[in-house]
Protein backbone atom coordinates (compact mmCIF):
# COMPACT_ATOMS: atom_id res chain seq x y z
CA UNK A 1 44.31 35.78 25.36
CA UNK A 2 40.78 34.78 26.64
CA UNK A 3 38.41 34.75 23.87
CA UNK A 4 34.50 35.32 24.21
CA UNK A 5 34.51 31.37 25.68
CA UNK A 6 36.21 32.56 28.73
CA UNK A 7 38.76 29.59 29.58
CA UNK A 8 36.84 26.98 27.84
CA UNK A 9 37.66 27.59 24.20
CA UNK A 10 38.28 25.10 21.86
CA UNK A 11 41.50 24.38 22.74
CA UNK A 12 40.15 23.02 26.13
CA UNK A 13 36.62 21.26 24.71
CA UNK A 14 38.61 19.28 22.36
CA UNK A 15 40.12 17.65 25.43
CA UNK A 16 37.70 18.26 28.17
CA UNK A 17 35.55 15.06 27.84
CA UNK A 18 39.28 12.50 27.64
CA UNK A 19 40.85 14.75 30.51
CA UNK A 20 37.99 14.32 32.90
CA UNK A 21 37.29 10.62 31.83
CA UNK A 22 36.75 10.11 35.01
CA UNK A 23 33.84 11.70 35.71
CA UNK A 24 32.27 10.77 32.58
CA UNK A 25 32.15 6.95 33.86
CA UNK A 26 28.84 5.66 34.55
CA UNK A 27 29.76 5.06 38.43
CA UNK A 28 30.16 9.39 38.73
CA UNK A 29 26.71 9.96 36.40
CA UNK A 30 24.24 7.66 37.50
CA UNK A 31 23.80 9.07 41.01
CA UNK A 32 24.23 12.17 39.82
CA UNK A 33 21.41 11.65 37.77
CA UNK A 34 19.24 9.84 39.78
CA UNK A 35 19.04 12.75 42.49
CA UNK A 36 18.26 15.35 39.82
CA UNK A 37 15.29 13.45 37.91
CA UNK A 38 14.03 12.86 41.51
CA UNK A 39 14.34 16.71 41.90
CA UNK A 40 12.74 17.67 38.65
CA UNK A 41 9.61 14.93 38.85
CA UNK A 42 7.67 16.07 36.22
CA UNK A 43 8.98 19.52 35.08
CA UNK A 44 11.73 20.97 33.59
CA UNK A 45 15.71 21.22 34.76
CA UNK A 46 17.95 23.90 33.96
CA UNK A 47 21.78 23.47 34.39
CA UNK A 48 23.84 26.21 34.73
CA UNK A 49 27.12 25.24 32.77
CA UNK A 50 25.89 22.93 30.90
CA UNK A 51 29.39 22.50 29.58
CA UNK A 52 29.39 19.57 27.12
CA UNK A 53 26.59 17.59 28.34
CA UNK A 54 27.73 15.26 30.99
CA UNK A 55 24.97 15.36 33.24
CA UNK A 56 22.28 16.73 30.74
CA UNK A 57 22.07 14.33 28.18
CA UNK A 58 21.58 11.31 31.01
CA UNK A 59 19.09 13.34 32.27
CA UNK A 60 17.19 13.69 29.08
CA UNK A 61 17.60 10.41 28.63
CA UNK A 62 15.54 9.98 31.70
CA UNK A 63 12.65 11.74 30.09
CA UNK A 64 13.41 15.48 31.89
CA UNK A 65 13.11 18.55 29.48
CA UNK A 66 16.45 19.79 30.08
CA UNK A 67 17.73 23.25 29.05
CA UNK A 68 21.35 24.23 29.92
CA UNK A 69 23.17 28.13 29.97
CA UNK A 70 27.18 28.05 28.66
CA UNK A 71 29.32 30.43 28.15
CA UNK A 72 31.26 29.01 25.78
CA UNK A 73 30.24 28.28 22.19
CA UNK A 74 32.75 25.67 21.66
CA UNK A 75 31.60 23.55 24.88
CA UNK A 76 28.28 24.08 23.37
CA UNK A 77 29.21 22.71 19.92
CA UNK A 78 30.49 19.50 21.40
CA UNK A 79 27.45 18.83 23.14
CA UNK A 80 25.13 19.39 20.46
CA UNK A 81 27.22 17.00 18.09
CA UNK A 82 26.52 14.26 20.43
CA UNK A 83 23.87 11.47 19.97
CA UNK A 84 20.42 13.14 21.71
CA UNK A 85 22.16 16.28 21.70
CA UNK A 86 19.59 18.29 20.19
CA UNK A 87 17.18 17.38 22.73
CA UNK A 88 18.85 19.96 25.15
CA UNK A 89 18.32 23.46 24.12
CA UNK A 90 21.37 25.75 25.00
CA UNK A 91 21.14 29.54 25.49
CA UNK A 92 24.89 30.92 25.53
CA UNK A 93 25.69 33.56 28.06
CA UNK A 94 26.72 33.96 32.00
CA UNK A 95 24.71 31.64 34.16
CA UNK A 96 24.80 34.80 36.56
CA UNK A 97 22.13 37.03 34.26
CA UNK A 98 21.52 35.00 31.43
CA UNK A 99 17.76 33.79 31.05
CA UNK A 100 16.03 30.90 29.37
CA UNK A 101 12.16 31.24 28.92
CA UNK A 102 9.67 29.22 31.02
CA UNK A 103 9.80 27.98 34.54
CA UNK A 104 11.59 25.22 36.01
CA UNK A 105 11.27 22.75 38.82
CA UNK A 106 15.29 22.11 39.30
CA UNK A 107 18.19 23.96 38.58
CA UNK A 108 21.57 22.47 38.86
CA UNK A 109 24.98 23.60 39.25
CA UNK A 110 27.53 20.34 39.12
CA UNK A 111 31.21 19.44 39.62
CA UNK A 112 32.47 22.71 40.97
CA UNK A 113 30.98 24.85 38.52
CA UNK A 114 29.69 28.08 40.93
CA UNK A 115 33.25 28.49 41.43
CA UNK A 116 33.92 29.93 37.82
CA UNK A 117 31.98 33.21 39.14
CA UNK A 118 35.29 34.51 40.43
CA UNK A 119 33.13 37.34 42.53
CA UNK A 120 30.76 37.33 45.63
CA UNK A 121 28.32 39.76 43.87
CA UNK A 122 28.42 37.54 40.46
CA UNK A 123 27.56 34.41 43.15
CA UNK A 124 24.99 36.28 44.48
CA UNK A 125 23.19 37.03 41.30
CA UNK A 126 23.32 33.44 39.93
CA UNK A 127 21.27 32.81 43.09
CA UNK A 128 19.00 35.12 42.24
CA UNK A 129 19.17 34.27 38.85
CA UNK A 130 18.00 30.63 39.69
CA UNK A 131 15.43 31.48 42.00
CA UNK A 132 13.72 34.12 38.92
CA UNK A 133 13.65 30.60 36.91
CA UNK A 134 12.31 28.51 39.42
CA UNK A 135 8.66 27.46 39.91
CA UNK A 136 7.43 27.93 43.63
CA UNK A 137 9.13 24.83 45.80
CA UNK A 138 11.34 24.65 42.96
CA UNK A 139 14.91 23.41 44.33
CA UNK A 140 18.51 24.54 43.33
CA UNK A 141 21.22 22.07 43.56
CA UNK A 142 25.09 22.95 44.15
CA UNK A 143 28.18 20.33 44.05
CA UNK A 144 31.33 21.99 45.00
CA UNK A 145 34.54 21.48 47.13
CA UNK A 146 34.85 22.45 50.54
CA UNK A 147 38.14 24.98 50.48
CA UNK A 148 41.37 23.12 51.22
CA UNK A 149 42.83 25.68 53.56
CA UNK A 150 43.65 23.08 56.03
CA UNK A 151 46.04 21.42 53.95
CA UNK A 152 47.86 25.14 54.05
CA UNK A 153 50.99 25.39 56.69
CA UNK A 154 51.74 29.07 57.30
CA UNK A 155 53.28 30.54 54.27
CA UNK A 156 52.06 28.37 51.75
CA UNK A 157 49.47 28.82 49.37
CA UNK A 158 49.54 25.70 46.76
CA UNK A 159 48.08 22.73 47.35
CA UNK A 160 49.05 19.82 44.66
CA UNK A 161 46.15 18.00 43.29
CA UNK A 162 48.14 15.56 40.59
CA UNK A 163 51.73 15.04 40.23
CA UNK A 164 52.95 12.78 37.58
CA UNK A 165 55.67 12.76 34.82
CA UNK A 166 53.58 14.16 32.37
CA UNK A 167 51.17 16.15 34.21
CA UNK A 168 51.44 18.65 36.90
CA UNK A 169 48.35 20.22 38.66
CA UNK A 170 47.95 22.58 41.88
CA UNK A 171 45.65 24.66 43.36
CA UNK A 172 46.80 28.38 44.39
CA UNK A 173 44.42 30.33 47.23
CA UNK A 174 44.23 34.02 48.34
CA UNK A 175 42.94 33.45 51.97
CA UNK A 176 42.16 37.39 52.27
CA UNK A 177 40.24 37.22 48.95
CA UNK A 178 38.71 33.94 48.34
CA UNK A 179 40.73 33.84 45.12
CA UNK A 180 42.18 30.65 44.01
CA UNK A 181 43.22 29.25 40.72
CA UNK A 182 44.01 25.80 38.60
CA UNK A 183 46.97 26.00 37.67
CA UNK A 184 48.20 23.19 34.87
CA UNK A 185 51.73 22.23 33.23
CA UNK A 186 51.98 19.55 30.81
CA UNK A 187 54.86 17.98 28.83
CA UNK A 188 54.56 16.37 25.30
CA UNK A 189 57.05 15.53 23.20
CA UNK A 190 59.80 17.56 25.10
CA UNK A 191 57.69 20.59 25.62
CA UNK A 192 56.39 21.91 28.61
CA UNK A 193 52.97 24.17 28.17
CA UNK A 194 51.05 25.95 31.09
CA UNK A 195 47.57 27.67 31.82
CA UNK A 196 45.95 28.48 34.73
CA UNK A 197 41.89 28.87 35.32
CA UNK A 198 40.94 31.35 38.12
CA UNK A 199 37.89 30.63 40.63
CA UNK A 200 36.40 32.20 43.83
CA UNK A 201 36.28 29.77 46.27
CA UNK A 202 32.67 29.37 48.92
CA UNK A 203 31.86 28.28 52.09
CA UNK A 204 28.40 26.22 52.71
CA UNK A 205 27.27 28.75 54.87
CA UNK A 206 28.00 31.88 52.44
CA UNK A 207 26.09 29.83 50.15
CA UNK A 208 23.25 29.20 52.45
CA UNK A 209 23.12 33.45 52.90
CA UNK A 210 23.06 33.57 49.33
CA UNK A 211 20.35 31.46 48.83
CA UNK A 212 18.46 33.32 51.92
CA UNK A 213 18.79 36.54 49.82
CA UNK A 214 17.35 34.80 46.82
CA UNK A 215 14.10 33.61 48.65
CA UNK A 216 15.61 30.46 48.90
CA UNK A 217 16.39 28.07 52.42
CA UNK A 218 18.42 24.67 52.66
CA UNK A 219 16.45 21.69 52.23
CA UNK A 220 19.30 19.18 52.29
CA UNK A 221 23.35 19.02 52.38
CA UNK A 222 24.93 15.62 51.78
CA UNK A 223 29.09 15.00 51.32
CA UNK A 224 28.03 12.99 48.07
CA UNK A 225 25.54 12.28 45.24
CA UNK A 226 25.11 8.83 47.47
CA UNK A 227 23.19 11.16 50.35
CA UNK A 228 26.01 10.51 52.70
CA UNK A 229 26.17 12.76 55.64
CA UNK A 230 28.13 15.71 55.50
CA UNK A 231 30.42 16.00 58.23
CA UNK A 232 33.61 18.69 59.28
CA UNK A 233 36.13 15.86 57.01
CA UNK A 234 33.86 16.24 54.14
CA UNK A 235 35.83 17.18 50.92
CA UNK A 236 32.66 18.68 49.15
CA UNK A 237 29.16 19.23 49.60
CA UNK A 238 25.58 18.49 47.58
CA UNK A 239 23.50 21.03 48.70
CA UNK A 240 19.89 21.52 47.80
CA UNK A 241 18.19 24.70 48.41
CA UNK A 242 13.77 25.35 47.71
CA UNK A 243 12.26 28.37 47.02
CA UNK A 244 9.50 29.59 48.73
CA UNK A 245 6.31 28.63 47.77
CA UNK A 246 3.56 31.28 47.35
């Protein structure tokens, strides 16, 4: 059963930092924060899907005023309980529609979180919501995977991303609707568990059109946070759109 926290309730929040430990290392976090701090400048930053504060907390330690939107109260409570957590104000709600008072020079969505919005309409609404929060000339940054459809031979819908003795993870794709799901099988003490989380994959050009509909234009696109060139072989992209100046 899905509660008000969506698919990221207490059981997921309790283990989130540990299960995603590789994303909390300095090597994974510092390049993200370096770029975001540069884009925020002297202004305020808004993180959509702020989670347990993986990026928001170190960004705030750089002196950037950070606010967040988060659907899961359980995830937000983990953020508040960390050192410096009280410096990041969190609005509970859907980041496609929830509003935060004030204007921002930067808004950002990292680690594939744009795909948590499972319809094109919701993703379009997200861009419009971001544009409503940004100051003229402000930027919106999204980090998201490039759909791995080239790995799918005819008749296959699943792509494994982890295969181990006690854990199996695989994504399933529906190329007709762009619906996908991340599926997890875990074995502990001889007992197995399974859970699945729905997503909607989205193409770079599709995101550019969503940005245009919201009054923003693409400024930069890289393969990663180190600003490596984005190519046809890139497995993800970090894209920056800029809101038109008045």
